[in-house]
Protein backbone atom coordinates (compact mmCIF):
# COMPACT_ATOMS: atom_id res chain seq x y z
CA MET A 1 55.36 40.62 -43.91
CA SER A 2 56.12 37.59 -41.65
CA GLU A 3 59.14 35.94 -40.08
CA ALA A 4 61.99 35.23 -42.71
CA ARG A 5 61.88 31.74 -44.10
CA PRO A 6 63.99 29.80 -46.66
CA CYS A 7 63.10 30.57 -50.27
CA THR A 8 60.90 27.77 -51.67
CA GLY A 9 60.61 29.29 -55.16
CA ALA A 10 58.31 31.82 -56.89
CA THR A 11 55.06 32.54 -55.23
CA PRO A 12 52.02 32.48 -57.48
CA ARG A 13 50.79 36.06 -57.94
CA ARG A 14 47.47 35.44 -56.47
CA ALA A 15 49.05 33.93 -53.33
CA PHE A 16 51.35 36.87 -53.15
CA LEU A 17 48.37 39.29 -53.22
CA ARG A 18 46.46 37.38 -50.56
CA ALA A 19 49.56 37.29 -48.38
CA SER A 20 50.23 40.99 -48.88
CA LEU A 21 46.65 41.89 -48.05
CA THR A 22 46.73 39.66 -44.92
CA GLY A 23 49.89 41.21 -43.71
CA PHE A 24 48.62 44.73 -44.08
CA SER A 25 45.43 43.83 -42.35
CA ALA A 26 47.40 42.45 -39.43
CA LEU A 27 49.13 45.77 -39.16
CA GLY A 28 45.71 47.32 -38.69
CA ILE A 29 45.73 49.74 -41.61
CA SER A 30 42.65 48.57 -43.45
CA ASP A 31 41.20 52.02 -43.36
CA LEU A 32 44.41 53.47 -44.89
CA LEU A 33 44.22 51.05 -47.67
CA ARG A 34 40.67 52.32 -48.52
CA LEU A 35 41.64 56.00 -48.27
CA GLN A 36 41.86 56.20 -52.16
CA ALA A 37 41.68 53.41 -54.69
CA ALA A 38 42.86 55.60 -57.51
CA ARG A 39 45.27 58.37 -57.95
CA ALA A 40 44.00 61.76 -57.21
CA ALA A 41 43.97 64.82 -59.52
CA PRO A 42 47.55 65.94 -60.33
CA GLY A 43 49.00 68.44 -57.89
CA GLY A 44 52.00 68.85 -55.65
CA GLY A 45 52.78 70.03 -52.25
CA THR A 46 51.29 69.63 -48.81
CA GLY A 47 49.20 71.87 -46.71
CA GLY A 48 47.19 74.74 -48.27
CA PRO A 49 43.60 75.81 -47.66
CA SER A 50 41.97 73.55 -45.12
CA MET A 51 38.45 73.07 -43.51
CA ILE A 52 37.35 71.86 -40.14
CA VAL A 53 33.62 71.13 -39.97
CA VAL A 54 31.87 70.48 -36.52
CA TRP A 55 28.77 68.64 -37.66
CA LEU A 56 25.67 68.82 -35.48
CA TRP A 57 23.78 65.87 -36.61
CA GLY A 58 20.02 65.85 -36.25
CA GLY A 59 19.54 69.61 -37.02
CA PRO A 60 20.36 72.20 -34.44
CA SER A 61 17.59 74.75 -33.75
CA HIS A 62 18.44 78.17 -35.03
CA MET A 63 16.10 79.64 -32.44
CA GLU A 64 18.23 78.36 -29.65
CA THR A 65 21.61 79.00 -31.09
CA PHE A 66 22.43 81.91 -33.52
CA ASP A 67 19.01 83.43 -34.48
CA LEU A 68 16.85 83.92 -31.36
CA LYS A 69 13.55 85.87 -31.60
CA PRO A 70 12.99 87.29 -28.13
CA ASP A 71 10.01 89.46 -29.45
CA ALA A 72 8.15 86.49 -31.10
CA PRO A 73 5.04 85.13 -29.37
CA GLU A 74 5.74 82.74 -26.47
CA ALA A 75 4.93 79.74 -28.64
CA TYR A 76 7.91 80.50 -30.81
CA ARG A 77 10.65 82.24 -28.73
CA GLY A 78 11.62 79.58 -26.28
CA LEU A 79 13.28 79.82 -22.85
CA PHE A 80 16.82 81.15 -23.76
CA ARG A 81 17.49 84.90 -24.10
CA PRO A 82 20.03 86.51 -26.55
CA ILE A 83 23.05 88.27 -25.29
CA PRO A 84 25.18 90.95 -27.04
CA THR A 85 28.49 89.92 -28.57
CA SER A 86 31.74 91.87 -29.26
CA VAL A 87 30.23 92.81 -32.53
CA PRO A 88 27.68 95.79 -32.09
CA GLY A 89 24.18 94.67 -32.99
CA LEU A 90 24.96 91.01 -33.20
CA GLU A 91 23.28 88.82 -30.56
CA ILE A 92 23.44 85.08 -29.93
CA CYS A 93 22.21 82.54 -27.36
CA GLU A 94 23.07 83.28 -23.65
CA LYS A 95 24.44 79.71 -23.39
CA LEU A 96 27.20 80.67 -25.84
CA PRO A 97 29.25 83.43 -23.99
CA ARG A 98 32.59 82.44 -25.03
CA LEU A 99 31.52 82.51 -28.78
CA ALA A 100 29.80 85.86 -28.07
CA ALA A 101 33.22 87.29 -26.79
CA ILE A 102 35.01 86.50 -30.10
CA ALA A 103 32.20 87.33 -32.43
CA ASP A 104 34.73 89.58 -34.41
CA LYS A 105 36.05 86.21 -35.54
CA LEU A 106 32.67 84.83 -36.56
CA ALA A 107 30.55 85.07 -39.69
CA ILE A 108 27.03 83.93 -39.08
CA VAL A 109 24.75 83.14 -42.10
CA ARG A 110 21.15 83.07 -40.87
CA SER A 111 19.27 82.72 -44.12
CA VAL A 112 20.26 79.26 -45.62
CA SER A 113 17.08 77.47 -46.75
CA HIS A 114 16.08 74.11 -48.43
CA ASP A 115 12.98 72.00 -48.77
CA SER A 116 14.33 68.56 -47.89
CA PRO A 117 12.27 66.97 -45.01
CA GLY A 118 14.23 64.02 -43.47
CA HIS A 119 17.84 63.60 -42.02
CA ALA A 120 19.19 61.55 -44.93
CA ASN A 121 17.45 63.79 -47.48
CA SER A 122 18.62 67.00 -45.83
CA THR A 123 22.10 65.78 -45.40
CA HIS A 124 22.26 64.82 -49.09
CA THR A 125 20.90 68.24 -50.11
CA VAL A 126 23.21 70.15 -47.93
CA LEU A 127 26.54 68.32 -48.59
CA THR A 128 26.16 67.38 -52.20
CA GLY A 129 24.26 70.30 -53.80
CA TYR A 130 21.72 67.96 -55.34
CA GLU A 131 18.31 67.84 -53.88
CA GLY A 132 17.92 64.89 -51.62
CA ASP A 133 15.66 62.04 -52.73
CA VAL A 134 17.38 59.46 -50.58
CA VAL A 135 15.11 56.75 -49.15
CA GLU A 136 14.93 57.35 -45.39
CA THR A 137 15.59 53.82 -44.60
CA PRO A 138 18.95 51.96 -44.45
CA PRO A 139 21.32 51.85 -46.21
CA PHE A 140 20.90 55.60 -46.99
CA THR A 141 23.01 55.45 -50.16
CA PRO A 142 23.87 58.92 -51.44
CA LYS A 143 23.41 59.44 -55.16
CA HIS A 144 26.11 62.21 -55.34
CA PRO A 145 29.45 62.72 -53.53
CA TYR A 146 29.58 64.83 -50.41
CA VAL A 147 31.64 67.97 -50.89
CA PHE A 148 34.22 66.23 -48.85
CA HIS A 149 34.60 63.29 -51.16
CA ALA A 150 34.83 65.52 -54.12
CA ALA A 151 37.46 67.63 -52.52
CA ASN A 152 39.44 64.41 -51.49
CA ARG A 153 39.38 63.59 -55.08
CA LEU A 154 40.46 67.00 -56.39
CA LEU A 155 42.87 68.32 -53.87
CA PRO A 156 46.58 67.69 -54.04
CA GLU A 157 48.25 64.78 -52.19
CA ALA A 158 49.46 65.35 -48.58
CA ALA A 159 52.67 63.45 -48.18
CA GLY A 160 52.35 60.83 -45.42
CA LEU A 161 48.91 62.19 -44.38
CA PRO A 162 45.30 61.40 -45.45
CA LYS A 163 43.63 64.41 -47.04
CA TRP A 164 40.38 63.92 -45.08
CA VAL A 165 40.05 62.64 -41.47
CA ALA A 166 36.62 61.94 -39.96
CA MET A 167 36.04 61.70 -36.32
CA PRO A 168 34.34 59.31 -36.16
CA ASP A 169 32.37 59.57 -39.47
CA LEU A 170 29.49 61.45 -41.00
CA PRO A 171 25.99 60.03 -41.18
CA TYR A 172 24.85 58.51 -44.45
CA GLU A 173 28.43 59.01 -45.77
CA GLY A 174 29.16 57.69 -49.23
CA GLY A 175 30.88 58.77 -52.35
CA GLY A 176 27.84 58.77 -54.74
CA GLY A 177 29.19 58.73 -58.40
CA LEU A 178 32.73 58.79 -57.13
CA GLY A 179 32.33 55.43 -55.30
CA ARG A 180 33.82 54.91 -51.91
CA SER A 181 37.44 55.31 -53.03
CA TYR A 182 37.56 58.90 -51.70
CA GLY A 183 36.16 58.38 -48.15
CA PRO A 184 37.73 59.58 -45.12
CA PHE A 185 40.27 58.14 -42.82
CA LYS A 186 37.94 57.38 -39.77
CA VAL A 187 39.12 57.77 -36.17
CA ALA A 188 36.57 56.30 -33.85
CA ALA A 189 38.74 56.40 -30.65
CA ASP A 190 38.13 59.03 -28.02
CA PRO A 191 41.12 61.35 -27.82
CA ASN A 192 40.09 62.40 -24.32
CA LYS A 193 40.97 58.95 -22.87
CA PRO A 194 44.56 58.52 -21.57
CA GLU A 195 45.22 55.47 -23.72
CA PHE A 196 44.13 57.14 -26.92
CA MET A 197 45.98 56.21 -29.93
CA VAL A 198 45.08 55.73 -33.68
CA PRO A 199 45.65 51.93 -34.07
CA GLU A 200 46.31 52.32 -37.74
CA LEU A 201 49.28 54.40 -37.01
CA VAL A 202 50.72 52.59 -34.00
CA LEU A 203 53.58 50.48 -35.16
CA ASP A 204 56.33 49.58 -32.77
CA GLU A 205 59.96 49.02 -34.05
CA ALA A 206 59.67 45.28 -34.09
CA ARG A 207 56.67 45.44 -36.35
CA ARG A 208 58.17 48.16 -38.51
CA ALA A 209 61.27 45.97 -38.89
CA SER A 210 59.04 43.04 -39.94
CA LEU A 211 58.02 45.00 -43.00
CA GLY A 212 61.59 44.53 -44.21
CA GLY A 213 63.18 46.99 -46.52
CA ARG A 214 60.79 49.51 -48.14
CA GLY A 215 62.49 48.93 -51.48
CA ARG A 216 62.05 45.09 -51.29
CA LEU A 217 58.36 45.47 -50.39
CA LEU A 218 57.66 47.80 -53.09
CA ALA A 219 59.64 45.72 -55.51
CA GLY A 220 57.36 42.76 -54.66
CA PHE A 221 54.32 44.74 -55.19
CA ASP A 222 55.69 45.94 -58.56
CA ALA A 223 56.55 42.39 -59.55
CA ALA A 224 53.06 41.19 -58.71
CA ARG A 225 51.38 44.02 -60.57
CA ARG A 226 53.54 43.45 -63.62
CA ALA A 227 52.56 39.73 -63.52
CA MET A 228 48.88 40.60 -63.65
CA GLU A 229 46.87 42.15 -66.55
CA ALA A 230 47.25 45.90 -66.27
CA THR A 231 43.79 47.17 -65.25
CA PRO A 232 42.53 50.22 -63.35
CA VAL A 233 41.88 47.90 -60.48
CA THR A 234 45.38 46.63 -60.24
CA ARG A 235 46.87 50.09 -60.69
CA SER A 236 44.63 51.35 -57.78
CA PHE A 237 45.81 48.29 -55.74
CA ASP A 238 49.35 49.39 -56.19
CA ASP A 239 48.50 53.08 -55.44
CA PHE A 240 46.87 52.52 -52.17
CA GLN A 241 49.42 50.06 -50.99
CA ARG A 242 52.15 52.58 -51.67
CA ARG A 243 50.07 55.25 -49.83
CA ALA A 244 49.62 52.98 -46.88
CA LEU A 245 53.33 52.20 -46.67
CA ASP A 246 54.01 55.97 -47.06
CA VAL A 247 52.05 56.60 -43.92
CA LEU A 248 53.59 53.61 -42.02
CA THR A 249 57.19 54.65 -42.77
CA SER A 250 56.48 58.38 -42.11
CA GLY A 251 56.25 60.03 -38.66
CA ALA A 252 54.07 62.72 -39.97
CA ALA A 253 50.80 61.18 -39.34
CA ARG A 254 51.77 59.68 -35.95
CA ASN A 255 53.12 63.08 -34.72
CA ALA A 256 49.83 64.88 -35.87
CA PHE A 257 47.68 62.45 -33.81
CA ASP A 258 49.84 62.67 -30.72
CA LEU A 259 48.08 64.95 -28.26
CA SER A 260 50.51 64.12 -25.37
CA GLY A 261 52.73 67.15 -26.07
CA GLU A 262 49.86 69.66 -25.75
CA PRO A 263 49.81 71.62 -22.54
CA ASP A 264 47.29 70.79 -19.97
CA VAL A 265 46.04 74.41 -19.90
CA LEU A 266 45.19 74.31 -23.52
CA ARG A 267 43.52 70.82 -23.30
CA ASP A 268 41.55 72.12 -20.43
CA ARG A 269 40.51 75.30 -22.50
CA TYR A 270 39.06 72.98 -25.22
CA GLY A 271 37.21 70.83 -22.62
CA ARG A 272 38.19 67.42 -21.27
CA ASN A 273 35.58 65.57 -23.20
CA VAL A 274 35.36 63.86 -26.55
CA VAL A 275 34.14 66.98 -28.36
CA GLY A 276 36.79 69.31 -27.07
CA GLN A 277 39.69 66.89 -27.59
CA ARG A 278 38.59 66.10 -31.17
CA CYS A 279 38.60 69.87 -31.86
CA LEU A 280 42.11 70.13 -30.57
CA LEU A 281 43.14 67.10 -32.57
CA ALA A 282 41.50 68.82 -35.76
CA ARG A 283 43.72 71.75 -35.10
CA ARG A 284 46.83 69.61 -34.92
CA LEU A 285 45.82 67.75 -38.17
CA VAL A 286 45.34 70.88 -40.41
CA GLU A 287 48.45 72.38 -38.97
CA ALA A 288 50.34 69.14 -40.21
CA GLY A 289 48.77 69.34 -43.64
CA VAL A 290 45.44 67.44 -43.46
CA ARG A 291 43.02 69.44 -45.74
CA LEU A 292 39.61 68.25 -44.33
CA VAL A 293 38.63 67.30 -40.86
CA THR A 294 35.00 66.55 -40.01
CA ILE A 295 33.83 66.09 -36.39
CA ASP A 296 30.47 64.65 -35.63
CA PHE A 297 29.32 66.13 -32.30
CA PRO A 298 28.74 63.00 -30.30
CA CYS A 299 27.08 62.45 -26.91
CA VAL A 300 28.40 64.29 -23.92
CA PRO A 301 27.81 63.37 -20.20
CA GLY A 302 24.09 63.84 -19.36
CA GLN A 303 22.89 63.91 -22.95
CA LYS A 304 20.20 61.49 -23.88
CA ALA A 305 21.12 60.62 -27.41
CA PHE A 306 23.76 60.97 -30.14
CA SER A 307 21.65 63.78 -31.73
CA TRP A 308 20.43 67.28 -31.96
CA ASP A 309 17.12 65.93 -33.14
CA ASP A 310 15.05 67.74 -30.59
CA HIS A 311 11.48 66.26 -31.13
CA ALA A 312 9.11 66.88 -28.30
CA SER A 313 8.20 63.16 -28.56
CA VAL A 314 11.80 62.20 -27.55
CA TRP A 315 13.14 64.76 -25.03
CA ASN A 316 12.85 68.21 -23.64
CA ILE A 317 14.76 70.50 -26.03
CA PHE A 318 15.76 73.01 -23.35
CA GLU A 319 17.00 70.28 -20.88
CA GLN A 320 19.20 68.91 -23.65
CA MET A 321 20.39 72.37 -25.01
CA GLU A 322 21.44 73.20 -21.40
CA ILE A 323 23.88 70.17 -21.66
CA ARG A 324 25.09 70.59 -25.24
CA LEU A 325 25.54 74.27 -25.66
CA PRO A 326 28.27 74.83 -23.02
CA VAL A 327 30.29 72.09 -24.52
CA LEU A 328 29.98 73.47 -28.02
CA ASP A 329 30.74 76.96 -26.74
CA ARG A 330 33.86 75.90 -25.03
CA ALA A 331 35.28 73.63 -27.75
CA VAL A 332 34.57 75.75 -30.80
CA SER A 333 35.58 79.07 -29.24
CA ALA A 334 38.92 77.36 -28.17
CA LEU A 335 39.40 75.97 -31.66
CA ILE A 336 38.88 79.41 -33.17
CA GLU A 337 41.15 81.17 -30.77
CA ASP A 338 43.87 78.61 -31.13
CA VAL A 339 43.60 78.77 -34.99
CA HIS A 340 43.99 82.50 -34.84
CA ALA A 341 46.79 82.38 -32.33
CA ARG A 342 48.83 80.15 -34.53
CA GLY A 343 48.32 82.24 -37.65
CA LEU A 344 46.23 79.48 -39.30
CA ASP A 345 43.10 81.53 -39.72
CA ARG A 346 43.69 82.53 -43.29
CA GLU A 347 44.24 79.05 -44.48
CA THR A 348 41.74 77.26 -42.21
CA LEU A 349 37.91 77.56 -42.47
CA ILE A 350 36.01 76.40 -39.45
CA VAL A 351 32.22 75.66 -39.95
CA VAL A 352 29.63 74.64 -37.39
CA MET A 353 26.27 73.44 -38.70
CA GLY A 354 23.85 70.53 -39.20
CA GLU A 355 21.65 69.39 -42.01
CA MET A 356 18.62 71.50 -41.12
CA GLY A 357 17.01 73.89 -38.50
CA ARG A 358 14.00 73.14 -36.29
CA THR A 359 10.35 74.31 -36.51
CA PRO A 360 10.08 77.86 -35.17
CA LYS A 361 6.89 77.10 -33.42
CA LEU A 362 7.38 74.90 -30.42
CA SER A 363 5.73 71.45 -30.37
CA ASN A 364 4.49 69.80 -27.18
CA HIS A 365 4.30 66.11 -26.32
CA GLN A 366 2.65 65.50 -22.93
CA GLY A 367 3.90 68.71 -21.55
CA ARG A 368 7.33 68.27 -23.02
CA PRO A 369 8.59 71.04 -25.45
CA GLY A 370 10.55 70.37 -28.61
CA ARG A 371 11.00 71.45 -32.23
CA GLU A 372 10.44 69.36 -35.39
CA HIS A 373 12.35 69.02 -38.78
CA TRP A 374 12.69 72.42 -40.62
CA GLY A 375 14.87 73.09 -43.55
CA ARG A 376 13.39 76.38 -44.64
CA ALA A 377 15.47 78.36 -42.20
CA MET A 378 18.88 77.37 -40.73
CA SER A 379 21.97 79.06 -39.38
CA VAL A 380 25.58 78.37 -40.19
CA LEU A 381 28.72 79.62 -38.22
CA MET A 382 31.99 80.18 -40.07
CA SER A 383 35.31 81.44 -38.87
CA GLY A 384 38.62 82.06 -40.63
CA GLY A 385 39.48 80.98 -44.14
CA GLY A 386 40.79 84.49 -44.87
CA MET A 387 37.19 85.79 -45.09
CA PRO A 388 35.66 88.88 -43.63
CA MET A 389 34.46 88.17 -40.11
CA GLY A 390 32.57 90.00 -37.45
CA GLN A 391 29.32 90.00 -39.45
CA VAL A 392 25.96 88.45 -39.71
CA ILE A 393 24.69 87.62 -43.21
CA GLY A 394 21.01 87.35 -44.08
CA SER A 395 18.10 87.44 -41.75
CA THR A 396 14.83 85.47 -41.10
CA THR A 397 11.25 86.60 -40.53
CA SER A 398 10.15 87.85 -37.08
CA ARG A 399 9.20 84.30 -36.13
CA GLY A 400 12.12 82.59 -37.69
CA GLU A 401 10.15 80.65 -40.26
CA GLU A 402 12.07 81.53 -43.51
CA PRO A 403 14.61 83.92 -44.90
CA ARG A 404 13.61 87.58 -45.09
CA GLU A 405 16.88 88.94 -46.58
CA ARG A 406 19.67 87.19 -48.69
CA ARG A 407 18.16 83.72 -49.03
CA PHE A 408 20.86 81.22 -49.83
CA THR A 409 20.65 77.64 -50.91
CA PRO A 410 23.08 74.90 -49.61
CA ASN A 411 24.72 75.19 -52.98
CA ASP A 412 25.84 78.83 -52.35
CA LEU A 413 27.37 77.55 -49.22
CA LEU A 414 29.18 74.60 -50.90
CA ALA A 415 30.47 77.11 -53.67
CA THR A 416 31.94 79.23 -50.98
CA TRP A 417 33.72 76.17 -49.50
CA TYR A 418 35.01 74.98 -52.93
CA ARG A 419 36.20 78.39 -53.65
CA HIS A 420 38.09 78.57 -50.28
CA LEU A 421 39.72 75.20 -51.10
CA GLY A 422 40.82 76.38 -54.51
CA ILE A 423 38.37 74.09 -56.45
CA ASP A 424 36.36 75.30 -59.39
CA HIS A 425 32.70 74.51 -58.34
CA ALA A 426 31.63 74.90 -61.90
CA GLN A 427 33.66 71.87 -63.26
CA THR A 428 32.50 68.36 -64.02
CA TYR A 429 33.89 65.17 -62.84
CA GLN A 430 33.60 61.67 -64.26
CA ASP A 431 31.65 59.17 -62.24
CA VAL A 432 32.53 55.59 -61.85
CA SER A 433 30.76 54.75 -65.24
CA GLY A 434 32.69 57.54 -67.05
CA ARG A 435 29.81 59.95 -67.23
CA PRO A 436 30.47 63.70 -66.84
CA ILE A 437 28.57 65.04 -63.79
CA ALA A 438 28.50 68.62 -62.61
CA LEU A 439 30.20 69.17 -59.24
CA LEU A 440 27.43 71.65 -58.32
CA PRO A 441 24.35 72.09 -60.68
CA HIS A 442 23.97 75.68 -59.48
CA GLY A 443 25.11 78.08 -56.72
CA GLU A 444 27.63 80.87 -56.34
CA PRO A 445 30.01 81.86 -53.44
CA ILE A 446 28.41 84.23 -50.88
CA ALA A 447 29.58 87.57 -51.88
CA GLU A 448 29.94 88.83 -48.19
CA LEU A 449 32.50 86.15 -47.66
CA THR A 450 34.82 87.15 -50.63
């Protein structure tokens, strides 16, 4: 890992391991080393079904996005009006005209419902399939793995690429019973900045040369492993070091993260902001073979906070939606059109959602309108995945308070995702203590999306 020096004899195995870890840390690939601490389920090949999830943390209001109620009383309906889309009878918010124009490529589920109250609880319920009973104070430790952790464990390996990339991460993320071994490769940098690069993948020729021969390095790891007692921990160490070296010595990941070759007109179409460029990067990643990409919708210029948590006590919901919705509209519509234009739509499922909806009845704080937490009715937008598009599934009551037709639990949504990824949602997995745990305790794929 360092400059060549005269041989001074055999290195004690613990010293070798310390030196090896120090060297890899110096190369800046600590996140890669944590991609997986144990070998994933058997499977071969790269590519295959993939997912891109644009996560709207805080809980986007269904009444201001995909399920407006123009005929509801004034205290419910809000300021925005619905507009027609390319699908007869389907209307969405006037602030989403680009998505309205491609509604034939959308499926909107309006009747997902759960009873979890807070952000951590709702996130746990929606992304694990187990009702959230997470304490709403740090460290927000999940008791079950997110769907993405489980998929990262069960999907086949992607040569030279991580299976799950998070930009930058997901709130309250944790592997639950799987531990943290199957967490994402996190990219916190802003791809809209000219100097954007993924530090873990930037390795100039001099530093690459300092690795020495790949065979020599792996032989050293093998020798150290053999010198130690064979345990799951040491085997995992060997595995993730090999995976890290695979990425470092392969151009696949570096090429996938390189936005410089994308035409300016396409980059402009996505929007020259962190959200738009992360969506473009997500398309590049799944095209290269990454199976899961999650994008946490961050602050955009003019927005007051990193959140869709539109309480009247913190800001005016309509002022903030005026800022957020055009950015979402541009970025997601460009992503959907780009995925379809490249023939990726059968393999790639795009999802836009948060952990809850908002109260149908507007709240008011010193004259400022807002909406509070509400899991009993929420909308989810999906596109692609080889599923029937151009449809709205389910409905809510006239005031948007709860499902009226086709009530779905988050588990039905997760079962739909698992089916798309080729994972049996009825199977069990072994947690870190060896106990069998059901991947989903209940739920079936949404029939309209088969």
